[in-house]
């Protein structure tokens, strides 16, 4: 269709890192801070790290870490103690200017396809419930996520819902 730029889900390249940091910074209240060193470390741990490319612009990204990784994170540790094999969504971020284009859904659909190809049947994540993040709750509900537990993080300033979807 003329004038429509196709969305491409592709592997993340180091050239994408500055764009990823910008997207993450814009949503830091819903995720967590990340500098270049942290991004590089997470990228090395990731079992899945892809960007949504819209006409050469990074419109969003999803970074997921496999069970068994040497990742020091309260939520990942909770899943490690409560699930055997999983892929943990550390963060998914879509630029606000791309809202409504189903970019987050496209990233999750690609993640689920990847997980199935690897024999992984459990996708885990968390989202804030105090302070609330109703958009994330509604989004994850669409993909069949269910709550396995809750916990306080960030020195007691946030409570998260620990979620899992069986695929």
N, C-alpha and C. Protein backbone atom coordinates (compact mmCIF):
# COMPACT_ATOMS: atom_id res chain seq x y z
N UNK A 1 0.85 -1.18 0.00
CA UNK A 1 0.00 0.00 0.00
C UNK A 1 0.90 1.24 0.00
N UNK A 2 0.74 2.15 -0.95
CA UNK A 2 1.58 3.34 -1.03
C UNK A 2 1.46 4.20 0.23
N UNK A 3 2.61 4.73 0.67
CA UNK A 3 2.62 5.63 1.81
C UNK A 3 2.62 4.95 3.17
N UNK A 4 2.52 3.62 3.21
CA UNK A 4 2.52 2.90 4.47
C UNK A 4 3.91 2.31 4.69
N UNK A 5 4.52 2.66 5.80
CA UNK A 5 5.84 2.13 6.13
C UNK A 5 5.66 0.83 6.89
N UNK A 6 6.23 -0.26 6.39
CA UNK A 6 6.06 -1.53 7.09
C UNK A 6 6.89 -1.58 8.38
N UNK A 7 6.33 -2.23 9.37
CA UNK A 7 7.02 -2.46 10.64
C UNK A 7 7.88 -3.70 10.50
N UNK A 8 9.12 -3.59 10.94
CA UNK A 8 10.03 -4.73 10.90
C UNK A 8 10.52 -5.01 12.31
N UNK A 9 10.32 -6.24 12.78
CA UNK A 9 10.87 -6.67 14.06
C UNK A 9 12.21 -7.34 13.73
N UNK A 10 13.29 -6.80 14.28
CA UNK A 10 14.61 -7.31 13.94
C UNK A 10 15.50 -7.37 15.18
N UNK A 11 16.58 -8.14 15.06
CA UNK A 11 17.55 -8.22 16.15
C UNK A 11 18.13 -6.84 16.42
N UNK A 12 18.39 -6.57 17.67
CA UNK A 12 18.99 -5.31 18.08
C UNK A 12 20.47 -5.28 17.69
N UNK A 13 20.88 -4.14 17.16
CA UNK A 13 22.30 -3.91 16.84
C UNK A 13 22.82 -2.83 17.79
N UNK A 14 24.12 -2.81 17.99
CA UNK A 14 24.69 -1.79 18.87
C UNK A 14 24.35 -0.38 18.39
N UNK A 15 24.17 -0.20 17.09
CA UNK A 15 23.80 1.11 16.54
C UNK A 15 22.42 1.56 17.05
N UNK A 16 21.62 0.64 17.57
CA UNK A 16 20.29 0.96 18.09
C UNK A 16 20.32 1.42 19.55
N UNK A 17 21.45 1.25 20.23
CA UNK A 17 21.49 1.45 21.67
C UNK A 17 21.11 2.87 22.10
N UNK A 18 21.56 3.89 21.39
CA UNK A 18 21.21 5.27 21.77
C UNK A 18 19.69 5.48 21.69
N UNK A 19 19.07 4.96 20.63
CA UNK A 19 17.62 5.08 20.49
C UNK A 19 16.90 4.33 21.61
N UNK A 20 17.41 3.15 21.96
CA UNK A 20 16.81 2.37 23.04
C UNK A 20 16.90 3.13 24.35
N UNK A 21 18.05 3.74 24.62
CA UNK A 21 18.19 4.52 25.86
C UNK A 21 17.21 5.69 25.88
N UNK A 22 17.01 6.34 24.76
CA UNK A 22 16.06 7.45 24.69
C UNK A 22 14.64 6.99 24.96
N UNK A 23 14.25 5.86 24.37
CA UNK A 23 12.91 5.31 24.63
C UNK A 23 12.76 4.94 26.10
N UNK A 24 13.77 4.28 26.65
CA UNK A 24 13.71 3.86 28.05
C UNK A 24 13.62 5.07 28.98
N UNK A 25 14.42 6.11 28.72
CA UNK A 25 14.40 7.31 29.56
C UNK A 25 13.03 7.97 29.58
N UNK A 26 12.33 7.93 28.45
CA UNK A 26 11.00 8.55 28.36
C UNK A 26 9.96 7.80 29.20
N UNK A 27 10.23 6.54 29.52
CA UNK A 27 9.27 5.72 30.27
C UNK A 27 9.86 5.21 31.58
N UNK A 28 10.88 5.89 32.09
CA UNK A 28 11.60 5.39 33.25
C UNK A 28 10.71 5.22 34.48
N UNK A 29 9.62 5.98 34.59
CA UNK A 29 8.72 5.83 35.74
C UNK A 29 8.00 4.49 35.71
N UNK A 30 7.87 3.87 34.55
CA UNK A 30 7.19 2.57 34.43
C UNK A 30 8.17 1.41 34.34
N UNK A 31 9.43 1.71 34.07
CA UNK A 31 10.45 0.66 33.98
C UNK A 31 11.54 1.00 34.98
N UNK A 32 12.77 0.93 34.63
CA UNK A 32 13.86 1.34 35.52
C UNK A 32 14.94 2.02 34.70
N UNK A 33 15.73 2.82 35.38
CA UNK A 33 16.79 3.57 34.70
C UNK A 33 17.79 2.61 34.06
N UNK A 34 18.37 3.08 32.97
CA UNK A 34 19.34 2.26 32.26
C UNK A 34 20.32 3.18 31.54
N UNK A 35 21.61 3.00 31.82
CA UNK A 35 22.63 3.73 31.08
C UNK A 35 23.27 2.78 30.07
N UNK A 36 24.25 3.28 29.32
CA UNK A 36 24.84 2.47 28.26
C UNK A 36 25.49 1.20 28.80
N UNK A 37 26.20 1.30 29.93
CA UNK A 37 26.83 0.11 30.49
C UNK A 37 25.79 -0.93 30.88
N UNK A 38 24.71 -0.49 31.49
CA UNK A 38 23.64 -1.41 31.90
C UNK A 38 23.00 -2.05 30.67
N UNK A 39 22.75 -1.26 29.63
CA UNK A 39 22.16 -1.80 28.41
C UNK A 39 23.08 -2.85 27.79
N UNK A 40 24.36 -2.56 27.74
CA UNK A 40 25.29 -3.55 27.18
C UNK A 40 25.28 -4.85 27.99
N UNK A 41 25.24 -4.72 29.31
CA UNK A 41 25.20 -5.92 30.17
C UNK A 41 23.92 -6.71 29.95
N UNK A 42 22.78 -6.02 29.89
CA UNK A 42 21.51 -6.70 29.65
C UNK A 42 21.48 -7.35 28.27
N UNK A 43 22.02 -6.67 27.30
CA UNK A 43 22.08 -7.21 25.94
C UNK A 43 22.86 -8.53 25.91
N UNK A 44 23.96 -8.58 26.66
CA UNK A 44 24.77 -9.81 26.72
C UNK A 44 23.99 -10.95 27.40
N UNK A 45 23.17 -10.63 28.39
CA UNK A 45 22.39 -11.65 29.10
C UNK A 45 21.16 -12.10 28.33
N UNK A 46 20.68 -11.25 27.44
CA UNK A 46 19.37 -11.47 26.80
C UNK A 46 19.34 -12.74 25.96
N UNK A 47 18.21 -13.41 26.06
CA UNK A 47 17.92 -14.52 25.16
C UNK A 47 17.15 -14.01 23.95
N UNK A 48 16.55 -12.83 24.12
CA UNK A 48 15.76 -12.19 23.07
C UNK A 48 15.92 -10.69 23.28
N UNK A 49 16.38 -9.99 22.26
CA UNK A 49 16.47 -8.53 22.31
C UNK A 49 16.25 -8.02 20.90
N UNK A 50 15.05 -7.52 20.68
CA UNK A 50 14.70 -7.05 19.34
C UNK A 50 14.11 -5.65 19.40
N UNK A 51 14.20 -4.98 18.25
CA UNK A 51 13.61 -3.66 18.10
C UNK A 51 12.50 -3.72 17.07
N UNK A 52 11.57 -2.81 17.22
CA UNK A 52 10.54 -2.58 16.21
C UNK A 52 11.03 -1.40 15.38
N UNK A 53 11.33 -1.67 14.13
CA UNK A 53 11.91 -0.69 13.22
C UNK A 53 10.80 -0.21 12.28
N UNK A 54 10.54 1.08 12.32
CA UNK A 54 9.51 1.67 11.47
C UNK A 54 10.20 2.68 10.56
N UNK A 55 10.45 2.28 9.34
CA UNK A 55 11.12 3.16 8.38
C UNK A 55 12.50 3.59 8.80
N UNK A 56 13.24 2.70 9.46
CA UNK A 56 14.59 3.02 9.90
C UNK A 56 14.67 3.66 11.27
N UNK A 57 13.53 3.90 11.89
CA UNK A 57 13.49 4.50 13.23
C UNK A 57 13.12 3.42 14.24
N UNK A 58 13.85 3.38 15.36
CA UNK A 58 13.53 2.43 16.43
C UNK A 58 12.30 2.97 17.16
N UNK A 59 11.18 2.27 16.97
CA UNK A 59 9.90 2.69 17.55
C UNK A 59 9.64 2.02 18.89
N UNK A 60 10.34 0.92 19.16
CA UNK A 60 10.16 0.20 20.41
C UNK A 60 11.18 -0.92 20.51
N UNK A 61 11.24 -1.54 21.68
CA UNK A 61 12.15 -2.67 21.86
C UNK A 61 11.61 -3.58 22.95
N UNK A 62 12.07 -4.81 22.92
CA UNK A 62 11.74 -5.80 23.94
C UNK A 62 13.01 -6.57 24.26
N UNK A 63 13.32 -6.66 25.55
CA UNK A 63 14.50 -7.36 26.02
C UNK A 63 14.05 -8.41 27.02
N UNK A 64 14.37 -9.67 26.75
CA UNK A 64 13.97 -10.77 27.63
C UNK A 64 15.18 -11.63 27.98
N UNK A 65 15.20 -12.11 29.21
CA UNK A 65 16.32 -12.86 29.74
C UNK A 65 15.87 -14.28 30.09
N UNK A 66 16.64 -15.28 29.67
CA UNK A 66 16.24 -16.66 29.92
C UNK A 66 16.51 -17.10 31.36
N UNK A 67 15.69 -18.02 31.84
CA UNK A 67 15.94 -18.61 33.15
C UNK A 67 17.35 -19.19 33.15
N UNK A 68 17.97 -19.16 34.31
CA UNK A 68 19.33 -19.68 34.42
C UNK A 68 20.40 -18.64 34.18
N UNK A 69 20.03 -17.46 33.69
CA UNK A 69 21.03 -16.41 33.46
C UNK A 69 21.53 -15.87 34.79
N UNK A 70 22.74 -15.37 34.80
CA UNK A 70 23.34 -14.78 36.00
C UNK A 70 22.91 -13.33 36.09
N UNK A 71 21.62 -13.13 36.39
CA UNK A 71 21.02 -11.80 36.41
C UNK A 71 20.59 -11.47 37.83
N UNK A 72 21.15 -10.42 38.39
CA UNK A 72 20.81 -9.98 39.74
C UNK A 72 19.68 -8.96 39.66
N UNK A 73 18.46 -9.44 39.91
CA UNK A 73 17.26 -8.61 39.81
C UNK A 73 16.20 -9.25 40.70
N UNK A 74 15.56 -8.45 41.55
CA UNK A 74 14.58 -9.00 42.50
C UNK A 74 13.47 -9.78 41.81
N UNK A 75 12.96 -9.25 40.72
CA UNK A 75 11.83 -9.91 40.06
C UNK A 75 12.29 -11.18 39.34
N UNK A 76 13.42 -11.12 38.67
CA UNK A 76 13.98 -12.31 38.02
C UNK A 76 14.25 -13.39 39.07
N UNK A 77 14.79 -12.98 40.21
CA UNK A 77 15.06 -13.94 41.29
C UNK A 77 13.78 -14.59 41.79
N UNK A 78 12.69 -13.82 41.87
CA UNK A 78 11.41 -14.39 42.31
C UNK A 78 10.97 -15.47 41.33
N UNK A 79 11.06 -15.18 40.04
CA UNK A 79 10.66 -16.18 39.04
C UNK A 79 11.59 -17.40 39.08
N UNK A 80 12.87 -17.17 39.30
CA UNK A 80 13.82 -18.29 39.39
C UNK A 80 13.43 -19.23 40.53
N UNK A 81 12.96 -18.66 41.64
CA UNK A 81 12.56 -19.47 42.79
C UNK A 81 11.20 -20.14 42.59
N UNK A 82 10.40 -19.64 41.65
CA UNK A 82 9.01 -20.12 41.53
C UNK A 82 8.66 -20.74 40.19
N UNK A 83 9.59 -20.80 39.27
CA UNK A 83 9.32 -21.39 37.95
C UNK A 83 10.60 -22.08 37.48
N UNK A 84 10.45 -23.06 36.63
CA UNK A 84 11.62 -23.83 36.19
C UNK A 84 12.28 -23.21 34.96
N UNK A 85 11.59 -23.23 33.86
CA UNK A 85 12.14 -22.71 32.60
C UNK A 85 11.23 -21.60 32.11
N UNK A 86 11.80 -20.45 31.84
CA UNK A 86 10.99 -19.30 31.43
C UNK A 86 11.85 -18.31 30.66
N UNK A 87 11.18 -17.37 30.05
CA UNK A 87 11.82 -16.22 29.42
C UNK A 87 11.21 -15.00 30.10
N UNK A 88 12.06 -14.21 30.75
CA UNK A 88 11.63 -13.07 31.57
C UNK A 88 11.72 -11.78 30.76
N UNK A 89 10.59 -11.11 30.60
CA UNK A 89 10.57 -9.82 29.91
C UNK A 89 11.09 -8.77 30.88
N UNK A 90 12.32 -8.37 30.69
CA UNK A 90 12.91 -7.35 31.55
C UNK A 90 12.32 -5.99 31.26
N UNK A 91 12.10 -5.72 29.99
CA UNK A 91 11.45 -4.46 29.62
C UNK A 91 10.95 -4.50 28.18
N UNK A 92 9.81 -3.86 28.00
CA UNK A 92 9.26 -3.60 26.67
C UNK A 92 8.87 -2.13 26.69
N UNK A 93 9.34 -1.39 25.72
CA UNK A 93 9.06 0.05 25.65
C UNK A 93 8.74 0.40 24.21
N UNK A 94 7.68 1.18 24.04
CA UNK A 94 7.30 1.71 22.73
C UNK A 94 7.22 3.22 22.86
N UNK A 95 7.79 3.92 21.89
CA UNK A 95 7.74 5.38 21.91
C UNK A 95 6.31 5.89 21.90
N UNK A 96 6.03 6.92 22.69
CA UNK A 96 4.67 7.44 22.81
C UNK A 96 4.12 7.91 21.46
N UNK A 97 5.00 8.38 20.58
CA UNK A 97 4.53 8.85 19.27
C UNK A 97 4.06 7.70 18.38
N UNK A 98 4.31 6.48 18.81
CA UNK A 98 3.90 5.30 18.04
C UNK A 98 2.73 4.56 18.69
N UNK A 99 2.13 5.18 19.68
CA UNK A 99 0.99 4.55 20.36
C UNK A 99 -0.12 4.27 19.36
N UNK A 100 -0.79 3.15 19.55
CA UNK A 100 -1.92 2.80 18.70
C UNK A 100 -1.55 2.05 17.43
N UNK A 101 -0.25 1.84 17.20
CA UNK A 101 0.18 1.14 15.99
C UNK A 101 0.40 -0.36 16.22
N UNK A 102 0.07 -0.83 17.42
CA UNK A 102 0.19 -2.25 17.78
C UNK A 102 1.64 -2.75 17.76
N UNK A 103 2.57 -1.84 18.04
CA UNK A 103 3.98 -2.21 18.05
C UNK A 103 4.28 -3.13 19.22
N UNK A 104 3.75 -2.82 20.40
CA UNK A 104 3.95 -3.70 21.55
C UNK A 104 3.40 -5.09 21.29
N UNK A 105 2.23 -5.16 20.68
CA UNK A 105 1.64 -6.46 20.34
C UNK A 105 2.51 -7.21 19.34
N UNK A 106 3.05 -6.50 18.36
CA UNK A 106 3.92 -7.15 17.38
C UNK A 106 5.18 -7.70 18.03
N UNK A 107 5.75 -6.95 18.97
CA UNK A 107 6.93 -7.44 19.68
C UNK A 107 6.59 -8.68 20.50
N UNK A 108 5.46 -8.66 21.22
CA UNK A 108 5.08 -9.83 22.02
C UNK A 108 4.78 -11.04 21.14
N UNK A 109 4.11 -10.83 20.03
CA UNK A 109 3.82 -11.95 19.13
C UNK A 109 5.12 -12.57 18.62
N UNK A 110 6.10 -11.73 18.30
CA UNK A 110 7.39 -12.24 17.86
C UNK A 110 8.11 -12.97 18.99
N UNK A 111 8.04 -12.42 20.20
CA UNK A 111 8.64 -13.08 21.36
C UNK A 111 8.04 -14.46 21.59
N UNK A 112 6.71 -14.55 21.53
CA UNK A 112 6.04 -15.84 21.74
C UNK A 112 6.45 -16.85 20.67
N UNK A 113 6.56 -16.39 19.42
CA UNK A 113 7.00 -17.27 18.33
C UNK A 113 8.42 -17.76 18.59
N UNK A 114 9.29 -16.85 18.99
CA UNK A 114 10.67 -17.21 19.32
C UNK A 114 10.71 -18.22 20.46
N UNK A 115 9.97 -17.95 21.53
CA UNK A 115 9.97 -18.85 22.70
C UNK A 115 9.53 -20.25 22.30
N UNK A 116 8.45 -20.34 21.54
CA UNK A 116 7.97 -21.66 21.09
C UNK A 116 9.05 -22.39 20.30
N UNK A 117 9.77 -21.66 19.45
CA UNK A 117 10.81 -22.28 18.63
C UNK A 117 11.97 -22.81 19.48
N UNK A 118 12.10 -22.28 20.70
CA UNK A 118 13.15 -22.70 21.61
C UNK A 118 12.66 -23.71 22.64
N UNK A 119 11.38 -24.09 22.55
CA UNK A 119 10.80 -25.03 23.51
C UNK A 119 10.47 -24.40 24.85
N UNK A 120 10.40 -23.08 24.90
CA UNK A 120 10.06 -22.36 26.13
C UNK A 120 8.55 -22.13 26.13
N UNK A 121 7.89 -22.52 27.21
CA UNK A 121 6.43 -22.43 27.26
C UNK A 121 5.93 -21.43 28.29
N UNK A 122 6.83 -20.74 28.98
CA UNK A 122 6.41 -19.78 30.00
C UNK A 122 7.12 -18.45 29.79
N UNK A 123 6.34 -17.39 29.61
CA UNK A 123 6.86 -16.03 29.51
C UNK A 123 6.48 -15.33 30.80
N UNK A 124 7.45 -14.68 31.44
CA UNK A 124 7.19 -14.00 32.71
C UNK A 124 7.50 -12.51 32.58
N UNK A 125 6.88 -11.74 33.45
CA UNK A 125 7.11 -10.30 33.49
C UNK A 125 6.53 -9.76 34.79
N UNK A 126 6.70 -8.49 34.99
CA UNK A 126 6.01 -7.82 36.09
C UNK A 126 5.61 -6.44 35.62
N UNK A 127 4.60 -5.89 36.30
CA UNK A 127 4.26 -4.49 36.08
C UNK A 127 3.85 -3.89 37.40
N UNK A 128 3.95 -2.57 37.46
CA UNK A 128 3.65 -1.86 38.70
C UNK A 128 2.16 -1.92 39.01
N UNK A 129 1.87 -2.20 40.29
CA UNK A 129 0.48 -2.08 40.76
C UNK A 129 0.37 -0.98 41.82
N UNK A 130 1.49 -0.60 42.42
CA UNK A 130 1.55 0.57 43.29
C UNK A 130 2.88 1.26 43.02
N UNK A 131 2.93 2.41 42.37
CA UNK A 131 1.80 3.08 41.73
C UNK A 131 1.27 2.25 40.55
N UNK A 132 -0.01 2.40 40.28
CA UNK A 132 -0.63 1.54 39.26
C UNK A 132 -0.20 1.88 37.84
N UNK A 133 -0.21 0.84 37.02
CA UNK A 133 0.07 0.99 35.59
C UNK A 133 -1.05 0.26 34.84
N UNK A 134 -2.24 0.87 34.76
CA UNK A 134 -3.39 0.19 34.15
C UNK A 134 -3.19 -0.15 32.68
N UNK A 135 -2.41 0.65 31.96
CA UNK A 135 -2.18 0.35 30.54
C UNK A 135 -1.40 -0.96 30.40
N UNK A 136 -0.40 -1.16 31.24
CA UNK A 136 0.37 -2.40 31.18
C UNK A 136 -0.49 -3.59 31.60
N UNK A 137 -1.32 -3.38 32.60
CA UNK A 137 -2.21 -4.47 33.03
C UNK A 137 -3.13 -4.90 31.88
N UNK A 138 -3.77 -3.95 31.23
CA UNK A 138 -4.68 -4.27 30.13
C UNK A 138 -3.93 -4.94 28.98
N UNK A 139 -2.74 -4.44 28.68
CA UNK A 139 -1.93 -5.01 27.61
C UNK A 139 -1.59 -6.47 27.91
N UNK A 140 -1.11 -6.74 29.10
CA UNK A 140 -0.71 -8.10 29.46
C UNK A 140 -1.90 -9.04 29.58
N UNK A 141 -3.03 -8.53 30.02
CA UNK A 141 -4.25 -9.35 30.08
C UNK A 141 -4.60 -9.90 28.68
N UNK A 142 -4.40 -9.06 27.65
CA UNK A 142 -4.70 -9.49 26.27
C UNK A 142 -3.87 -10.69 25.84
N UNK A 143 -2.70 -10.84 26.42
CA UNK A 143 -1.81 -11.93 26.05
C UNK A 143 -1.89 -13.12 26.99
N UNK A 144 -2.87 -13.11 27.87
CA UNK A 144 -3.10 -14.27 28.73
C UNK A 144 -2.21 -14.35 29.95
N UNK A 145 -1.60 -13.25 30.34
CA UNK A 145 -0.80 -13.26 31.55
C UNK A 145 -1.71 -13.36 32.77
N UNK A 146 -1.22 -14.04 33.81
CA UNK A 146 -1.95 -14.15 35.07
C UNK A 146 -0.98 -13.89 36.22
N UNK A 147 -1.52 -13.41 37.31
CA UNK A 147 -0.68 -13.07 38.45
C UNK A 147 -0.28 -14.33 39.22
N UNK A 148 1.02 -14.45 39.48
CA UNK A 148 1.54 -15.54 40.31
C UNK A 148 1.85 -15.06 41.72
N UNK A 149 2.05 -13.76 41.88
CA UNK A 149 2.38 -13.20 43.18
C UNK A 149 2.61 -11.71 43.06
N UNK A 150 2.94 -11.09 44.18
CA UNK A 150 3.28 -9.67 44.20
C UNK A 150 4.49 -9.50 45.11
N UNK A 151 5.19 -8.39 44.94
CA UNK A 151 6.27 -8.06 45.87
C UNK A 151 6.57 -6.56 45.79
N UNK A 152 7.12 -6.07 46.89
CA UNK A 152 7.59 -4.69 46.96
C UNK A 152 9.03 -4.65 46.48
N UNK A 153 9.36 -3.65 45.67
CA UNK A 153 10.72 -3.47 45.15
C UNK A 153 11.12 -2.00 45.27
N UNK A 154 12.31 -1.70 44.84
CA UNK A 154 12.82 -0.33 44.82
C UNK A 154 12.74 0.30 46.21
N UNK A 155 13.23 -0.46 47.20
CA UNK A 155 13.23 0.06 48.56
C UNK A 155 11.85 0.28 49.13
N UNK A 156 10.87 -0.48 48.65
CA UNK A 156 9.50 -0.35 49.14
C UNK A 156 8.70 0.76 48.49
N UNK A 157 9.22 1.34 47.41
CA UNK A 157 8.50 2.44 46.75
C UNK A 157 7.56 1.95 45.65
N UNK A 158 7.71 0.69 45.23
CA UNK A 158 6.86 0.13 44.18
C UNK A 158 6.43 -1.28 44.58
N UNK A 159 5.18 -1.60 44.25
CA UNK A 159 4.73 -2.98 44.38
C UNK A 159 4.42 -3.47 42.98
N UNK A 160 4.91 -4.65 42.65
CA UNK A 160 4.72 -5.20 41.31
C UNK A 160 3.87 -6.45 41.36
N UNK A 161 3.17 -6.68 40.26
CA UNK A 161 2.44 -7.92 40.04
C UNK A 161 3.34 -8.80 39.19
N UNK A 162 3.66 -9.98 39.70
CA UNK A 162 4.52 -10.94 39.01
C UNK A 162 3.62 -11.82 38.16
N UNK A 163 3.81 -11.76 36.85
CA UNK A 163 2.88 -12.34 35.88
C UNK A 163 3.55 -13.43 35.05
N UNK A 164 2.72 -14.36 34.55
CA UNK A 164 3.22 -15.39 33.64
C UNK A 164 2.15 -15.72 32.62
N UNK A 165 2.59 -16.03 31.42
CA UNK A 165 1.71 -16.51 30.36
C UNK A 165 2.28 -17.84 29.86
N UNK A 166 1.41 -18.84 29.81
CA UNK A 166 1.79 -20.13 29.25
C UNK A 166 1.47 -20.10 27.76
N UNK A 167 2.45 -20.46 26.95
CA UNK A 167 2.24 -20.40 25.50
C UNK A 167 2.35 -21.78 24.89
